[in-house]
Amino acid sequence: MDTTTALRFHPGELVLSTFIRLPIVILLGMSFAQLVFFETLLNLSILFHHSNLAVPERWDRVLSTFMVMPNMHRVHHSVELSETNSNFTSLLSIWDRAYRTFRTREDTHTITIELPSFREAKYEEPWGFLITPLK
């Protein structure tokens, strides 16, 4: 897992999330500058927590009490269902804690990532990537 993982959003997901966010942006009365600031912060955060940066364990645990850190989010990419269904948040870890979806693991470098049913090479190609949500 590395920062390129953060760039692998399905085009359909991007379109759908835009239509879901648009009414919220309008209701909040966000200016274009505020929206750009939010999206920039969000995307930098996503790139960071998908990175394979080696943050010292102590700092990682302390910082993950309020923000998403790479080790915390790595658990979300596990093949273990209870771990996959956790650590969803993109910026502040308080949301996973509040909704009881926060999970930790002693050694996150032993996590097997990638869904077992999509390990075939054909799913790593552009067409396979596009059809994955339909499988």
N, C-alpha and C. Protein backbone atom coordinates (compact mmCIF):
# COMPACT_ATOMS: atom_id res chain seq x y z
N MET A 1 0.85 -1.18 0.00
CA MET A 1 0.00 0.00 0.00
C MET A 1 0.89 1.23 0.00
N ASP A 2 0.57 2.18 -0.87
CA ASP A 2 1.32 3.43 -0.93
C ASP A 2 0.39 4.54 -1.40
N THR A 3 0.94 5.72 -1.64
CA THR A 3 0.08 6.86 -1.99
C THR A 3 -0.73 6.62 -3.25
N THR A 4 -0.26 5.77 -4.15
CA THR A 4 -1.05 5.52 -5.36
C THR A 4 -2.37 4.83 -5.02
N THR A 5 -2.43 4.14 -3.90
CA THR A 5 -3.68 3.51 -3.45
C THR A 5 -4.76 4.57 -3.27
N ALA A 6 -4.37 5.74 -2.82
CA ALA A 6 -5.32 6.83 -2.59
C ALA A 6 -5.90 7.37 -3.89
N LEU A 7 -5.25 7.09 -5.00
CA LEU A 7 -5.71 7.61 -6.29
C LEU A 7 -6.62 6.63 -7.02
N ARG A 8 -6.89 5.49 -6.42
CA ARG A 8 -7.66 4.44 -7.09
C ARG A 8 -9.14 4.48 -6.74
N PHE A 9 -9.74 5.64 -6.93
CA PHE A 9 -11.18 5.74 -6.72
C PHE A 9 -11.87 5.48 -8.05
N HIS A 10 -12.91 4.70 -8.01
CA HIS A 10 -13.66 4.37 -9.20
C HIS A 10 -14.34 5.64 -9.73
N PRO A 11 -14.33 5.86 -11.06
CA PRO A 11 -14.96 7.06 -11.61
C PRO A 11 -16.43 7.20 -11.20
N GLY A 12 -17.13 6.09 -11.10
CA GLY A 12 -18.53 6.13 -10.66
C GLY A 12 -18.66 6.64 -9.23
N GLU A 13 -17.72 6.25 -8.39
CA GLU A 13 -17.73 6.72 -7.00
C GLU A 13 -17.48 8.22 -6.95
N LEU A 14 -16.57 8.70 -7.78
CA LEU A 14 -16.27 10.14 -7.81
C LEU A 14 -17.49 10.95 -8.25
N VAL A 15 -18.19 10.47 -9.26
CA VAL A 15 -19.39 11.17 -9.75
C VAL A 15 -20.48 11.13 -8.69
N LEU A 16 -20.73 9.96 -8.12
CA LEU A 16 -21.76 9.82 -7.10
C LEU A 16 -21.46 10.69 -5.88
N SER A 17 -20.22 10.69 -5.41
CA SER A 17 -19.88 11.49 -4.23
C SER A 17 -20.00 12.98 -4.52
N THR A 18 -19.75 13.39 -5.76
CA THR A 18 -19.92 14.80 -6.12
C THR A 18 -21.38 15.21 -6.00
N PHE A 19 -22.28 14.38 -6.51
CA PHE A 19 -23.70 14.69 -6.43
C PHE A 19 -24.23 14.64 -5.00
N ILE A 20 -23.62 13.83 -4.17
CA ILE A 20 -24.04 13.77 -2.76
C ILE A 20 -23.51 15.00 -2.01
N ARG A 21 -22.28 15.41 -2.32
CA ARG A 21 -21.68 16.56 -1.63
C ARG A 21 -22.26 17.90 -2.08
N LEU A 22 -22.66 18.00 -3.32
CA LEU A 22 -23.11 19.27 -3.86
C LEU A 22 -24.22 19.93 -3.03
N PRO A 23 -25.29 19.23 -2.68
CA PRO A 23 -26.33 19.88 -1.84
C PRO A 23 -25.79 20.31 -0.47
N ILE A 24 -24.86 19.55 0.07
CA ILE A 24 -24.28 19.90 1.36
C ILE A 24 -23.48 21.19 1.25
N VAL A 25 -22.70 21.30 0.19
CA VAL A 25 -21.91 22.51 -0.06
C VAL A 25 -22.84 23.71 -0.18
N ILE A 26 -23.93 23.55 -0.91
CA ILE A 26 -24.89 24.64 -1.11
C ILE A 26 -25.56 25.00 0.21
N LEU A 27 -26.02 23.98 0.97
CA LEU A 27 -26.67 24.25 2.26
C LEU A 27 -25.75 24.94 3.26
N LEU A 28 -24.48 24.59 3.22
CA LEU A 28 -23.52 25.23 4.12
C LEU A 28 -23.11 26.61 3.64
N GLY A 29 -23.43 26.91 2.40
CA GLY A 29 -23.08 28.21 1.85
C GLY A 29 -21.58 28.39 1.66
N MET A 30 -20.91 27.30 1.34
CA MET A 30 -19.45 27.36 1.16
C MET A 30 -19.10 28.17 -0.08
N SER A 31 -18.09 28.98 0.05
CA SER A 31 -17.57 29.69 -1.11
C SER A 31 -16.69 28.74 -1.91
N PHE A 32 -16.37 29.13 -3.12
CA PHE A 32 -15.50 28.31 -3.95
C PHE A 32 -14.14 28.14 -3.27
N ALA A 33 -13.62 29.21 -2.68
CA ALA A 33 -12.32 29.16 -2.00
C ALA A 33 -12.36 28.19 -0.81
N GLN A 34 -13.46 28.19 -0.07
CA GLN A 34 -13.59 27.26 1.05
C GLN A 34 -13.66 25.82 0.57
N LEU A 35 -14.37 25.60 -0.52
CA LEU A 35 -14.47 24.26 -1.08
C LEU A 35 -13.10 23.78 -1.57
N VAL A 36 -12.36 24.63 -2.23
CA VAL A 36 -11.02 24.28 -2.70
C VAL A 36 -10.11 23.97 -1.51
N PHE A 37 -10.20 24.78 -0.45
CA PHE A 37 -9.40 24.54 0.76
C PHE A 37 -9.74 23.19 1.36
N PHE A 38 -11.03 22.89 1.51
CA PHE A 38 -11.47 21.61 2.07
C PHE A 38 -10.99 20.45 1.22
N GLU A 39 -11.21 20.53 -0.09
CA GLU A 39 -10.82 19.43 -0.98
C GLU A 39 -9.30 19.22 -0.98
N THR A 40 -8.54 20.31 -0.91
CA THR A 40 -7.08 20.21 -0.85
C THR A 40 -6.66 19.51 0.43
N LEU A 41 -7.21 19.95 1.56
CA LEU A 41 -6.88 19.34 2.85
C LEU A 41 -7.29 17.87 2.87
N LEU A 42 -8.46 17.57 2.36
CA LEU A 42 -8.96 16.19 2.32
C LEU A 42 -8.05 15.31 1.47
N ASN A 43 -7.70 15.78 0.29
CA ASN A 43 -6.87 14.96 -0.60
C ASN A 43 -5.45 14.79 -0.08
N LEU A 44 -4.88 15.82 0.54
CA LEU A 44 -3.57 15.66 1.17
C LEU A 44 -3.63 14.65 2.30
N SER A 45 -4.71 14.70 3.08
CA SER A 45 -4.89 13.74 4.16
C SER A 45 -5.00 12.31 3.63
N ILE A 46 -5.76 12.14 2.57
CA ILE A 46 -5.94 10.81 1.97
C ILE A 46 -4.61 10.29 1.43
N LEU A 47 -3.85 11.15 0.77
CA LEU A 47 -2.53 10.74 0.28
C LEU A 47 -1.63 10.35 1.45
N PHE A 48 -1.69 11.12 2.53
CA PHE A 48 -0.86 10.84 3.70
C PHE A 48 -1.22 9.50 4.34
N HIS A 49 -2.50 9.28 4.63
CA HIS A 49 -2.82 8.04 5.36
C HIS A 49 -2.79 6.80 4.48
N HIS A 50 -2.66 6.95 3.18
CA HIS A 50 -2.41 5.79 2.33
C HIS A 50 -0.93 5.59 2.07
N SER A 51 -0.11 6.49 2.56
CA SER A 51 1.33 6.39 2.32
C SER A 51 1.94 5.26 3.14
N ASN A 52 3.14 4.91 2.79
CA ASN A 52 3.86 3.90 3.57
C ASN A 52 4.97 4.56 4.39
N LEU A 53 4.70 5.78 4.83
CA LEU A 53 5.66 6.49 5.67
C LEU A 53 5.83 5.77 7.00
N ALA A 54 7.04 5.70 7.45
CA ALA A 54 7.33 5.02 8.72
C ALA A 54 7.35 6.06 9.84
N VAL A 55 6.18 6.36 10.36
CA VAL A 55 6.07 7.26 11.50
C VAL A 55 6.41 6.44 12.74
N PRO A 56 7.26 6.95 13.62
CA PRO A 56 7.59 6.18 14.82
C PRO A 56 6.31 5.74 15.55
N GLU A 57 6.31 4.49 15.99
CA GLU A 57 5.12 3.89 16.59
C GLU A 57 4.49 4.76 17.68
N ARG A 58 5.29 5.30 18.56
CA ARG A 58 4.76 6.12 19.66
C ARG A 58 4.03 7.35 19.12
N TRP A 59 4.64 8.04 18.16
CA TRP A 59 4.02 9.22 17.56
C TRP A 59 2.76 8.83 16.79
N ASP A 60 2.82 7.71 16.12
CA ASP A 60 1.67 7.25 15.36
C ASP A 60 0.47 7.04 16.28
N ARG A 61 0.68 6.38 17.39
CA ARG A 61 -0.43 6.11 18.32
C ARG A 61 -0.96 7.40 18.96
N VAL A 62 -0.06 8.30 19.33
CA VAL A 62 -0.49 9.57 19.92
C VAL A 62 -1.29 10.39 18.92
N LEU A 63 -0.75 10.55 17.73
CA LEU A 63 -1.41 11.37 16.71
C LEU A 63 -2.72 10.77 16.22
N SER A 64 -2.81 9.44 16.23
CA SER A 64 -4.04 8.81 15.75
C SER A 64 -5.21 8.95 16.72
N THR A 65 -4.95 9.53 17.89
CA THR A 65 -6.08 9.79 18.79
C THR A 65 -6.97 10.89 18.25
N PHE A 66 -6.43 11.72 17.34
CA PHE A 66 -7.28 12.77 16.77
C PHE A 66 -7.22 12.87 15.24
N MET A 67 -6.18 12.32 14.62
CA MET A 67 -6.13 12.37 13.15
C MET A 67 -5.79 11.00 12.58
N VAL A 68 -6.15 10.79 11.33
CA VAL A 68 -5.90 9.52 10.68
C VAL A 68 -4.42 9.42 10.32
N MET A 69 -3.82 8.34 10.78
CA MET A 69 -2.41 8.08 10.51
C MET A 69 -2.31 6.84 9.61
N PRO A 70 -1.18 6.67 8.91
CA PRO A 70 -1.05 5.53 8.00
C PRO A 70 -1.31 4.17 8.67
N ASN A 71 -0.76 3.91 9.84
CA ASN A 71 -0.98 2.61 10.49
C ASN A 71 -2.43 2.40 10.85
N MET A 72 -3.10 3.46 11.27
CA MET A 72 -4.52 3.35 11.62
C MET A 72 -5.33 2.98 10.38
N HIS A 73 -5.11 3.69 9.29
CA HIS A 73 -5.92 3.46 8.10
C HIS A 73 -5.57 2.15 7.40
N ARG A 74 -4.33 1.71 7.52
CA ARG A 74 -3.90 0.45 6.89
C ARG A 74 -4.81 -0.71 7.32
N VAL A 75 -5.30 -0.67 8.56
CA VAL A 75 -6.19 -1.71 9.08
C VAL A 75 -7.43 -1.82 8.19
N HIS A 76 -7.92 -0.69 7.68
CA HIS A 76 -9.10 -0.66 6.82
C HIS A 76 -8.91 -1.47 5.54
N HIS A 77 -7.69 -1.63 5.09
CA HIS A 77 -7.41 -2.35 3.84
C HIS A 77 -7.14 -3.84 4.06
N SER A 78 -7.33 -4.31 5.26
CA SER A 78 -7.11 -5.72 5.59
C SER A 78 -8.13 -6.63 4.91
N VAL A 79 -7.73 -7.88 4.70
CA VAL A 79 -8.67 -8.87 4.16
C VAL A 79 -9.62 -9.37 5.24
N GLU A 80 -9.29 -9.12 6.50
CA GLU A 80 -10.17 -9.52 7.61
C GLU A 80 -11.39 -8.62 7.62
N LEU A 81 -12.58 -9.19 7.53
CA LEU A 81 -13.81 -8.42 7.41
C LEU A 81 -14.00 -7.42 8.55
N SER A 82 -13.71 -7.83 9.77
CA SER A 82 -13.89 -6.91 10.91
C SER A 82 -12.95 -5.72 10.82
N GLU A 83 -11.81 -5.90 10.17
CA GLU A 83 -10.87 -4.81 10.00
C GLU A 83 -11.22 -3.97 8.77
N THR A 84 -11.66 -4.63 7.70
CA THR A 84 -12.07 -3.90 6.49
C THR A 84 -13.20 -2.93 6.83
N ASN A 85 -14.12 -3.37 7.66
CA ASN A 85 -15.27 -2.56 8.05
C ASN A 85 -14.92 -1.65 9.24
N SER A 86 -13.80 -0.97 9.13
CA SER A 86 -13.35 -0.08 10.20
C SER A 86 -12.52 1.05 9.61
N ASN A 87 -12.22 2.02 10.45
CA ASN A 87 -11.31 3.12 10.12
C ASN A 87 -11.62 3.74 8.75
N PHE A 88 -12.86 4.20 8.61
CA PHE A 88 -13.35 4.77 7.35
C PHE A 88 -12.98 6.24 7.17
N THR A 89 -12.83 6.95 8.25
CA THR A 89 -12.70 8.41 8.19
C THR A 89 -11.47 8.85 7.41
N SER A 90 -11.53 10.06 6.89
CA SER A 90 -10.45 10.56 6.05
C SER A 90 -9.55 11.58 6.73
N LEU A 91 -10.03 12.23 7.76
CA LEU A 91 -9.23 13.30 8.35
C LEU A 91 -9.11 13.18 9.87
N LEU A 92 -10.25 13.18 10.55
CA LEU A 92 -10.25 13.14 12.02
C LEU A 92 -10.70 11.77 12.51
N SER A 93 -9.86 11.11 13.29
CA SER A 93 -10.19 9.77 13.78
C SER A 93 -11.33 9.76 14.79
N ILE A 94 -11.70 10.93 15.26
CA ILE A 94 -12.80 11.02 16.24
C ILE A 94 -14.09 10.41 15.69
N TRP A 95 -14.30 10.50 14.38
CA TRP A 95 -15.53 9.96 13.79
C TRP A 95 -15.57 8.44 13.90
N ASP A 96 -14.47 7.76 13.65
CA ASP A 96 -14.45 6.30 13.81
C ASP A 96 -14.62 5.92 15.27
N ARG A 97 -14.07 6.72 16.14
CA ARG A 97 -14.24 6.44 17.57
C ARG A 97 -15.69 6.66 17.99
N ALA A 98 -16.29 7.74 17.52
CA ALA A 98 -17.68 8.06 17.87
C ALA A 98 -18.66 7.01 17.36
N TYR A 99 -18.41 6.49 16.16
CA TYR A 99 -19.31 5.50 15.56
C TYR A 99 -18.86 4.06 15.78
N ARG A 100 -17.87 3.90 16.66
CA ARG A 100 -17.36 2.59 17.07
C ARG A 100 -16.85 1.75 15.90
N THR A 101 -16.24 2.40 14.93
CA THR A 101 -15.64 1.69 13.80
C THR A 101 -14.12 1.79 13.86
N PHE A 102 -13.59 2.29 14.96
CA PHE A 102 -12.15 2.42 15.13
C PHE A 102 -11.57 1.07 15.54
N ARG A 103 -10.55 0.60 14.82
CA ARG A 103 -9.87 -0.66 15.13
C ARG A 103 -8.37 -0.43 15.09
N THR A 104 -7.67 -1.16 15.93
CA THR A 104 -6.21 -1.12 15.91
C THR A 104 -5.70 -2.54 15.73
N ARG A 105 -4.44 -2.61 15.42
CA ARG A 105 -3.77 -3.90 15.30
C ARG A 105 -2.35 -3.69 15.78
N GLU A 106 -1.83 -4.65 16.51
CA GLU A 106 -0.49 -4.51 17.08
C GLU A 106 0.57 -4.28 16.01
N ASP A 107 0.57 -5.10 14.98
CA ASP A 107 1.57 -4.95 13.92
C ASP A 107 0.86 -4.79 12.59
N THR A 108 0.75 -3.57 12.12
CA THR A 108 0.01 -3.32 10.88
C THR A 108 0.79 -3.74 9.64
N HIS A 109 2.05 -4.06 9.80
CA HIS A 109 2.84 -4.47 8.63
C HIS A 109 2.65 -5.95 8.29
N THR A 110 1.90 -6.67 9.11
CA THR A 110 1.60 -8.07 8.81
C THR A 110 0.21 -8.21 8.18
N ILE A 111 -0.45 -7.11 7.94
CA ILE A 111 -1.79 -7.14 7.36
C ILE A 111 -1.71 -7.56 5.89
N THR A 112 -2.57 -8.50 5.53
CA THR A 112 -2.72 -8.87 4.13
C THR A 112 -3.78 -7.94 3.56
N ILE A 113 -3.40 -7.18 2.53
CA ILE A 113 -4.36 -6.26 1.93
C ILE A 113 -4.85 -6.83 0.61
N GLU A 114 -5.90 -6.26 0.11
CA GLU A 114 -6.52 -6.62 -1.16
C GLU A 114 -7.55 -7.72 -0.92
N LEU A 115 -8.72 -7.53 -1.47
CA LEU A 115 -9.77 -8.52 -1.32
C LEU A 115 -9.38 -9.80 -2.05
N PRO A 116 -9.52 -10.95 -1.39
CA PRO A 116 -9.10 -12.22 -1.99
C PRO A 116 -9.74 -12.50 -3.35
N SER A 117 -10.99 -12.10 -3.53
CA SER A 117 -11.68 -12.42 -4.79
C SER A 117 -11.24 -11.52 -5.95
N PHE A 118 -10.38 -10.52 -5.68
CA PHE A 118 -9.94 -9.61 -6.74
C PHE A 118 -8.42 -9.58 -6.88
N ARG A 119 -7.77 -10.68 -6.58
CA ARG A 119 -6.31 -10.74 -6.68
C ARG A 119 -5.80 -11.10 -8.06
N GLU A 120 -6.68 -11.53 -8.92
CA GLU A 120 -6.25 -11.91 -10.27
C GLU A 120 -5.74 -10.68 -11.02
N ALA A 121 -4.78 -10.89 -11.90
CA ALA A 121 -4.16 -9.80 -12.65
C ALA A 121 -5.17 -8.99 -13.46
N LYS A 122 -6.24 -9.64 -13.92
CA LYS A 122 -7.21 -8.93 -14.76
C LYS A 122 -7.87 -7.77 -14.02
N TYR A 123 -7.94 -7.85 -12.67
CA TYR A 123 -8.55 -6.77 -11.90
C TYR A 123 -7.60 -5.60 -11.68
N GLU A 124 -6.34 -5.77 -12.02
CA GLU A 124 -5.35 -4.69 -11.90
C GLU A 124 -5.27 -3.87 -13.17
N GLU A 125 -5.89 -4.33 -14.22
CA GLU A 125 -5.91 -3.62 -15.49
C GLU A 125 -7.06 -2.62 -15.50
N PRO A 126 -7.02 -1.61 -16.38
CA PRO A 126 -8.08 -0.59 -16.38
C PRO A 126 -9.50 -1.15 -16.47
N TRP A 127 -9.74 -2.07 -17.37
CA TRP A 127 -11.10 -2.62 -17.50
C TRP A 127 -11.51 -3.38 -16.24
N GLY A 128 -10.58 -4.14 -15.69
CA GLY A 128 -10.87 -4.88 -14.46
C GLY A 128 -11.20 -3.95 -13.31
N PHE A 129 -10.49 -2.84 -13.24
CA PHE A 129 -10.73 -1.84 -12.21
C PHE A 129 -12.16 -1.28 -12.35
N LEU A 130 -12.58 -1.04 -13.59
CA LEU A 130 -13.90 -0.45 -13.82
C LEU A 130 -15.04 -1.42 -13.52
N ILE A 131 -14.82 -2.72 -13.75
CA ILE A 131 -15.90 -3.69 -13.53
C ILE A 131 -15.93 -4.24 -12.10
N THR A 132 -14.90 -3.99 -11.32
CA THR A 132 -14.82 -4.54 -9.96
C THR A 132 -16.08 -4.28 -9.14
N PRO A 133 -16.62 -3.05 -9.10
CA PRO A 133 -17.82 -2.84 -8.27
C PRO A 133 -19.04 -3.63 -8.74
N LEU A 134 -19.02 -4.10 -9.98
CA LEU A 134 -20.15 -4.83 -10.52
C LEU A 134 -20.07 -6.32 -10.24
N LYS A 135 -18.95 -6.77 -9.69
CA LYS A 135 -18.75 -8.20 -9.40
C LYS A 135 -19.31 -8.56 -8.05
